């Protein structure tokens, strides 16, 4: 039987696919796995999260073995998502500031050359 996944993605993090930065995320679906007991890792789906820049790689561990580790793994995933979203929002704001400043400077230069 082939494995099923809730998510299985590998994405390059740059518009240029020749640049190495990437993210890999996969969460195996264990809904068809056999259960041996209520709080044991047997049958728990494999979770993999890897992030790489052009030079470095990091793999984060998300254990689903015990109820406490599952709770911590969800906490970790939520914190990671929270920080990434806040970071994206801040980058968008900074880009808007820079674009506005450059647009204003270009208009000022254009106006000064006309007169």
N, C-alpha and C. Protein backbone atom coordinates (compact mmCIF):
# COMPACT_ATOMS: atom_id res chain seq x y z
N UNK A 1 0.84 -1.18 0.00
CA UNK A 1 0.00 0.00 0.00
C UNK A 1 0.89 1.25 0.00
N UNK A 2 0.55 2.21 -0.84
CA UNK A 2 1.35 3.43 -0.90
C UNK A 2 0.99 4.36 0.25
N UNK A 3 1.95 5.16 0.63
CA UNK A 3 1.74 6.11 1.72
C UNK A 3 0.87 7.27 1.25
N UNK A 4 0.06 7.78 2.17
CA UNK A 4 -0.74 8.97 1.91
C UNK A 4 -0.21 10.08 2.81
N UNK A 5 -0.38 11.31 2.36
CA UNK A 5 0.12 12.47 3.09
C UNK A 5 -0.97 13.52 3.23
N UNK A 6 -0.95 14.19 4.38
CA UNK A 6 -1.80 15.38 4.55
C UNK A 6 -1.19 16.53 3.76
N UNK A 7 0.13 16.60 3.77
CA UNK A 7 0.87 17.58 2.97
C UNK A 7 2.19 16.95 2.60
N UNK A 8 2.61 17.18 1.38
CA UNK A 8 3.92 16.73 0.90
C UNK A 8 4.36 17.73 -0.15
N UNK A 9 5.21 18.69 0.27
CA UNK A 9 5.60 19.78 -0.62
C UNK A 9 7.10 20.01 -0.56
N UNK A 10 7.65 20.34 -1.70
CA UNK A 10 9.00 20.86 -1.79
C UNK A 10 8.90 22.07 -2.70
N UNK A 11 9.30 23.21 -2.16
CA UNK A 11 9.21 24.47 -2.91
C UNK A 11 10.55 25.19 -2.87
N UNK A 12 10.93 25.75 -4.01
CA UNK A 12 12.09 26.62 -4.03
C UNK A 12 11.68 27.98 -3.47
N UNK A 13 12.57 28.62 -2.73
CA UNK A 13 12.25 29.87 -2.04
C UNK A 13 12.66 31.12 -2.82
N UNK A 14 13.21 30.93 -3.99
CA UNK A 14 13.57 32.06 -4.85
C UNK A 14 12.83 31.91 -6.17
N UNK A 15 12.66 33.00 -6.86
CA UNK A 15 12.04 32.95 -8.18
C UNK A 15 12.95 32.24 -9.18
N UNK A 16 14.22 32.19 -8.88
CA UNK A 16 15.19 31.56 -9.76
C UNK A 16 15.45 30.14 -9.26
N UNK A 17 14.96 29.15 -9.98
CA UNK A 17 15.06 27.75 -9.54
C UNK A 17 16.50 27.26 -9.47
N UNK A 18 17.42 27.98 -10.10
CA UNK A 18 18.82 27.56 -10.03
C UNK A 18 19.45 27.94 -8.69
N UNK A 19 18.79 28.81 -7.92
CA UNK A 19 19.27 29.14 -6.58
C UNK A 19 18.75 28.07 -5.65
N UNK A 20 19.57 27.62 -4.72
CA UNK A 20 19.33 26.39 -3.97
C UNK A 20 18.31 26.48 -2.84
N UNK A 21 17.96 27.61 -2.33
CA UNK A 21 17.09 27.72 -1.15
C UNK A 21 15.76 27.01 -1.38
N UNK A 22 15.35 26.23 -0.39
CA UNK A 22 14.11 25.46 -0.53
C UNK A 22 13.50 25.16 0.83
N UNK A 23 12.26 24.69 0.80
CA UNK A 23 11.58 24.19 1.99
C UNK A 23 10.93 22.87 1.61
N UNK A 24 11.01 21.90 2.50
CA UNK A 24 10.35 20.61 2.33
C UNK A 24 9.47 20.41 3.56
N UNK A 25 8.22 20.08 3.33
CA UNK A 25 7.30 19.81 4.44
C UNK A 25 6.45 18.60 4.07
N UNK A 26 6.41 17.64 4.97
CA UNK A 26 5.54 16.49 4.74
C UNK A 26 4.99 15.99 6.07
N UNK A 27 3.72 15.63 6.04
CA UNK A 27 3.05 15.02 7.19
C UNK A 27 2.30 13.81 6.64
N UNK A 28 2.78 12.65 7.04
CA UNK A 28 2.18 11.41 6.57
C UNK A 28 0.82 11.20 7.23
N UNK A 29 -0.12 10.69 6.46
CA UNK A 29 -1.47 10.37 6.95
C UNK A 29 -1.44 8.97 7.55
N UNK A 30 -1.72 8.88 8.84
CA UNK A 30 -1.69 7.58 9.52
C UNK A 30 -3.09 7.03 9.79
N UNK A 31 -4.09 7.57 9.10
CA UNK A 31 -5.46 7.14 9.39
C UNK A 31 -5.70 5.67 9.09
N UNK A 32 -4.92 5.07 8.21
CA UNK A 32 -5.08 3.65 7.90
C UNK A 32 -4.11 2.77 8.68
N UNK A 33 -3.27 3.35 9.54
CA UNK A 33 -2.27 2.58 10.28
C UNK A 33 -2.94 1.78 11.40
N UNK A 34 -2.32 0.67 11.75
CA UNK A 34 -2.84 -0.14 12.85
C UNK A 34 -2.53 0.54 14.17
N UNK A 35 -3.43 0.41 15.11
CA UNK A 35 -3.26 1.00 16.44
C UNK A 35 -2.95 -0.12 17.43
N UNK A 36 -1.91 0.06 18.22
CA UNK A 36 -1.58 -0.96 19.21
C UNK A 36 -2.00 -0.55 20.62
N UNK A 37 -1.99 0.74 20.88
CA UNK A 37 -2.41 1.25 22.18
C UNK A 37 -2.72 2.74 22.03
N UNK A 38 -3.32 3.34 23.04
CA UNK A 38 -3.85 4.70 22.90
C UNK A 38 -2.79 5.79 22.86
N UNK A 39 -1.64 5.57 23.48
CA UNK A 39 -0.65 6.65 23.55
C UNK A 39 0.73 6.12 23.19
N UNK A 40 0.87 5.64 21.98
CA UNK A 40 2.13 5.05 21.54
C UNK A 40 2.41 5.51 20.13
N UNK A 41 3.66 5.60 19.76
CA UNK A 41 4.02 6.13 18.45
C UNK A 41 3.74 5.17 17.31
N UNK A 42 3.46 3.91 17.62
CA UNK A 42 3.16 2.94 16.57
C UNK A 42 2.00 3.46 15.72
N UNK A 43 2.21 3.56 14.45
CA UNK A 43 1.15 4.05 13.58
C UNK A 43 1.13 5.56 13.42
N UNK A 44 1.99 6.28 14.14
CA UNK A 44 2.04 7.74 13.98
C UNK A 44 2.67 8.07 12.64
N UNK A 45 2.09 9.03 11.93
CA UNK A 45 2.63 9.43 10.65
C UNK A 45 3.97 10.14 10.80
N UNK A 46 4.80 9.98 9.81
CA UNK A 46 6.11 10.64 9.80
C UNK A 46 5.92 12.12 9.47
N UNK A 47 6.62 12.98 10.21
CA UNK A 47 6.56 14.42 10.00
C UNK A 47 7.98 14.89 9.66
N UNK A 48 8.10 15.67 8.58
CA UNK A 48 9.42 16.14 8.14
C UNK A 48 9.30 17.61 7.75
N UNK A 49 10.21 18.43 8.28
CA UNK A 49 10.26 19.84 7.91
C UNK A 49 11.72 20.22 7.75
N UNK A 50 12.08 20.68 6.57
CA UNK A 50 13.47 21.04 6.27
C UNK A 50 13.48 22.38 5.56
N UNK A 51 14.43 23.21 5.94
CA UNK A 51 14.57 24.54 5.37
C UNK A 51 16.03 24.72 4.98
N UNK A 52 16.28 25.25 3.79
CA UNK A 52 17.65 25.43 3.34
C UNK A 52 17.82 26.78 2.67
N UNK A 53 18.97 27.39 2.94
CA UNK A 53 19.37 28.60 2.21
C UNK A 53 20.30 28.12 1.10
N UNK A 54 20.98 29.04 0.50
CA UNK A 54 21.94 28.65 -0.54
C UNK A 54 23.15 27.92 0.06
N UNK A 55 23.34 28.05 1.38
CA UNK A 55 24.54 27.48 2.00
C UNK A 55 24.26 26.54 3.17
N UNK A 56 23.16 26.69 3.86
CA UNK A 56 22.91 25.94 5.09
C UNK A 56 21.55 25.24 5.04
N UNK A 57 21.46 24.16 5.82
CA UNK A 57 20.20 23.42 5.93
C UNK A 57 19.86 23.24 7.40
N UNK A 58 18.55 23.20 7.69
CA UNK A 58 18.09 22.91 9.05
C UNK A 58 16.88 21.99 8.93
N UNK A 59 16.84 20.98 9.77
CA UNK A 59 15.70 20.09 9.83
C UNK A 59 15.12 20.20 11.24
N UNK A 60 13.83 20.52 11.31
CA UNK A 60 13.16 20.63 12.60
C UNK A 60 12.47 19.31 12.92
N UNK A 61 12.55 18.91 14.17
CA UNK A 61 11.98 17.64 14.62
C UNK A 61 10.59 17.88 15.20
N UNK A 62 9.62 17.12 14.71
CA UNK A 62 8.24 17.19 15.20
C UNK A 62 7.82 15.78 15.58
N UNK A 63 7.99 15.45 16.85
CA UNK A 63 7.66 14.10 17.31
C UNK A 63 6.17 13.98 17.59
N UNK A 64 5.61 12.85 17.20
CA UNK A 64 4.22 12.54 17.47
C UNK A 64 4.09 11.32 18.37
N UNK A 65 5.19 10.95 19.04
CA UNK A 65 5.25 9.70 19.79
C UNK A 65 4.34 9.68 21.01
N UNK A 66 4.26 10.76 21.74
CA UNK A 66 3.42 10.80 22.95
C UNK A 66 2.48 12.00 22.87
N UNK A 67 1.48 12.00 23.72
CA UNK A 67 0.54 13.13 23.73
C UNK A 67 1.27 14.43 24.02
N UNK A 68 2.21 14.42 24.94
CA UNK A 68 2.97 15.62 25.29
C UNK A 68 3.81 16.09 24.10
N UNK A 69 4.46 15.16 23.40
CA UNK A 69 5.26 15.54 22.24
C UNK A 69 4.39 16.02 21.08
N UNK A 70 3.22 15.43 20.91
CA UNK A 70 2.30 15.91 19.88
C UNK A 70 1.86 17.34 20.17
N UNK A 71 1.55 17.60 21.44
CA UNK A 71 1.16 18.95 21.85
C UNK A 71 2.29 19.94 21.59
N UNK A 72 3.51 19.55 21.91
CA UNK A 72 4.66 20.42 21.68
C UNK A 72 4.92 20.62 20.19
N UNK A 73 4.75 19.57 19.40
CA UNK A 73 4.96 19.69 17.95
C UNK A 73 3.96 20.65 17.33
N UNK A 74 2.71 20.59 17.76
CA UNK A 74 1.71 21.52 17.25
C UNK A 74 2.03 22.95 17.70
N UNK A 75 2.47 23.11 18.95
CA UNK A 75 2.89 24.42 19.45
C UNK A 75 4.03 24.97 18.58
N UNK A 76 5.01 24.12 18.29
CA UNK A 76 6.16 24.53 17.48
C UNK A 76 5.72 24.93 16.07
N UNK A 77 4.83 24.14 15.46
CA UNK A 77 4.34 24.45 14.11
C UNK A 77 3.57 25.78 14.11
N UNK A 78 2.75 26.00 15.14
CA UNK A 78 2.00 27.26 15.23
C UNK A 78 2.92 28.45 15.42
N UNK A 79 3.94 28.32 16.27
CA UNK A 79 4.90 29.42 16.48
C UNK A 79 5.67 29.71 15.21
N UNK A 80 6.07 28.67 14.50
CA UNK A 80 6.79 28.84 13.25
C UNK A 80 5.92 29.60 12.24
N UNK A 81 4.67 29.19 12.11
CA UNK A 81 3.75 29.87 11.19
C UNK A 81 3.54 31.33 11.60
N UNK A 82 3.37 31.56 12.90
CA UNK A 82 3.16 32.91 13.42
C UNK A 82 4.34 33.83 13.09
N UNK A 83 5.55 33.34 13.29
CA UNK A 83 6.74 34.15 13.02
C UNK A 83 6.91 34.38 11.52
N UNK A 84 6.67 33.36 10.71
CA UNK A 84 6.81 33.51 9.26
C UNK A 84 5.81 34.54 8.73
N UNK A 85 4.57 34.49 9.21
CA UNK A 85 3.55 35.45 8.76
C UNK A 85 3.92 36.86 9.20
N UNK A 86 4.38 37.02 10.44
CA UNK A 86 4.80 38.35 10.93
C UNK A 86 5.98 38.86 10.11
N UNK A 87 6.91 37.98 9.79
CA UNK A 87 8.08 38.35 8.99
C UNK A 87 7.64 38.79 7.60
N UNK A 88 6.75 38.02 6.97
CA UNK A 88 6.26 38.38 5.64
C UNK A 88 5.58 39.74 5.66
N UNK A 89 4.73 39.99 6.67
CA UNK A 89 4.04 41.27 6.79
C UNK A 89 5.02 42.42 6.93
N UNK A 90 6.07 42.21 7.72
CA UNK A 90 7.08 43.25 7.93
C UNK A 90 7.87 43.51 6.65
N UNK A 91 8.19 42.47 5.90
CA UNK A 91 8.89 42.64 4.63
C UNK A 91 8.02 43.43 3.65
N UNK A 92 6.73 43.11 3.59
CA UNK A 92 5.81 43.86 2.72
C UNK A 92 5.78 45.33 3.09
N UNK A 93 5.71 45.64 4.39
CA UNK A 93 5.69 47.04 4.84
C UNK A 93 6.97 47.75 4.45
N UNK A 94 8.11 47.10 4.66
CA UNK A 94 9.39 47.73 4.35
C UNK A 94 9.54 47.95 2.85
N UNK A 95 9.09 47.01 2.04
CA UNK A 95 9.14 47.18 0.59
C UNK A 95 8.28 48.37 0.16
N UNK A 96 7.10 48.51 0.75
CA UNK A 96 6.23 49.65 0.42
C UNK A 96 6.90 50.97 0.79
N UNK A 97 7.58 51.03 1.94
CA UNK A 97 8.28 52.24 2.37
C UNK A 97 9.39 52.58 1.38
N UNK A 98 10.18 51.58 1.01
CA UNK A 98 11.29 51.81 0.08
C UNK A 98 10.76 52.23 -1.29
N UNK A 99 9.74 51.54 -1.79
CA UNK A 99 9.18 51.89 -3.10
C UNK A 99 8.62 53.30 -3.11
N UNK A 100 7.93 53.69 -2.05
CA UNK A 100 7.38 55.04 -1.95
C UNK A 100 8.49 56.09 -1.93
N UNK A 101 9.54 55.82 -1.14
CA UNK A 101 10.66 56.76 -1.05
C UNK A 101 11.33 56.91 -2.42
N UNK A 102 11.56 55.79 -3.12
CA UNK A 102 12.21 55.86 -4.43
C UNK A 102 11.32 56.57 -5.45
N UNK A 103 10.01 56.33 -5.38
CA UNK A 103 9.08 57.00 -6.29
C UNK A 103 9.08 58.51 -6.05
N UNK A 104 9.08 58.91 -4.79
CA UNK A 104 9.11 60.34 -4.43
C UNK A 104 10.40 60.98 -4.91
N UNK A 105 11.53 60.29 -4.73
CA UNK A 105 12.82 60.82 -5.17
C UNK A 105 12.88 60.96 -6.69
N UNK A 106 12.32 59.99 -7.41
CA UNK A 106 12.32 60.05 -8.87
C UNK A 106 11.45 61.21 -9.36
N UNK A 107 10.30 61.42 -8.71
CA UNK A 107 9.45 62.54 -9.10
C UNK A 107 10.11 63.87 -8.80
N UNK A 108 10.82 63.94 -7.69
CA UNK A 108 11.52 65.19 -7.34
C UNK A 108 12.62 65.47 -8.35
N UNK A 109 13.35 64.47 -8.77
CA UNK A 109 14.42 64.66 -9.76
C UNK A 109 13.82 65.07 -11.11
N UNK A 110 12.74 64.44 -11.48
CA UNK A 110 12.08 64.77 -12.76
C UNK A 110 11.57 66.20 -12.74
N UNK A 111 11.00 66.62 -11.62
CA UNK A 111 10.47 67.98 -11.50
C UNK A 111 11.59 69.01 -11.54
N UNK A 112 12.74 68.68 -10.95
CA UNK A 112 13.84 69.64 -10.91
C UNK A 112 14.52 69.78 -12.27
N UNK A 113 14.46 68.76 -13.11
CA UNK A 113 15.08 68.88 -14.44
C UNK A 113 14.19 69.60 -15.43
N UNK A 114 12.89 69.65 -15.16
CA UNK A 114 11.96 70.34 -16.06
C UNK A 114 12.10 71.84 -15.93
N UNK A 115 12.32 72.36 -14.75
CA UNK A 115 12.37 73.81 -14.53
C UNK A 115 13.72 74.37 -14.74
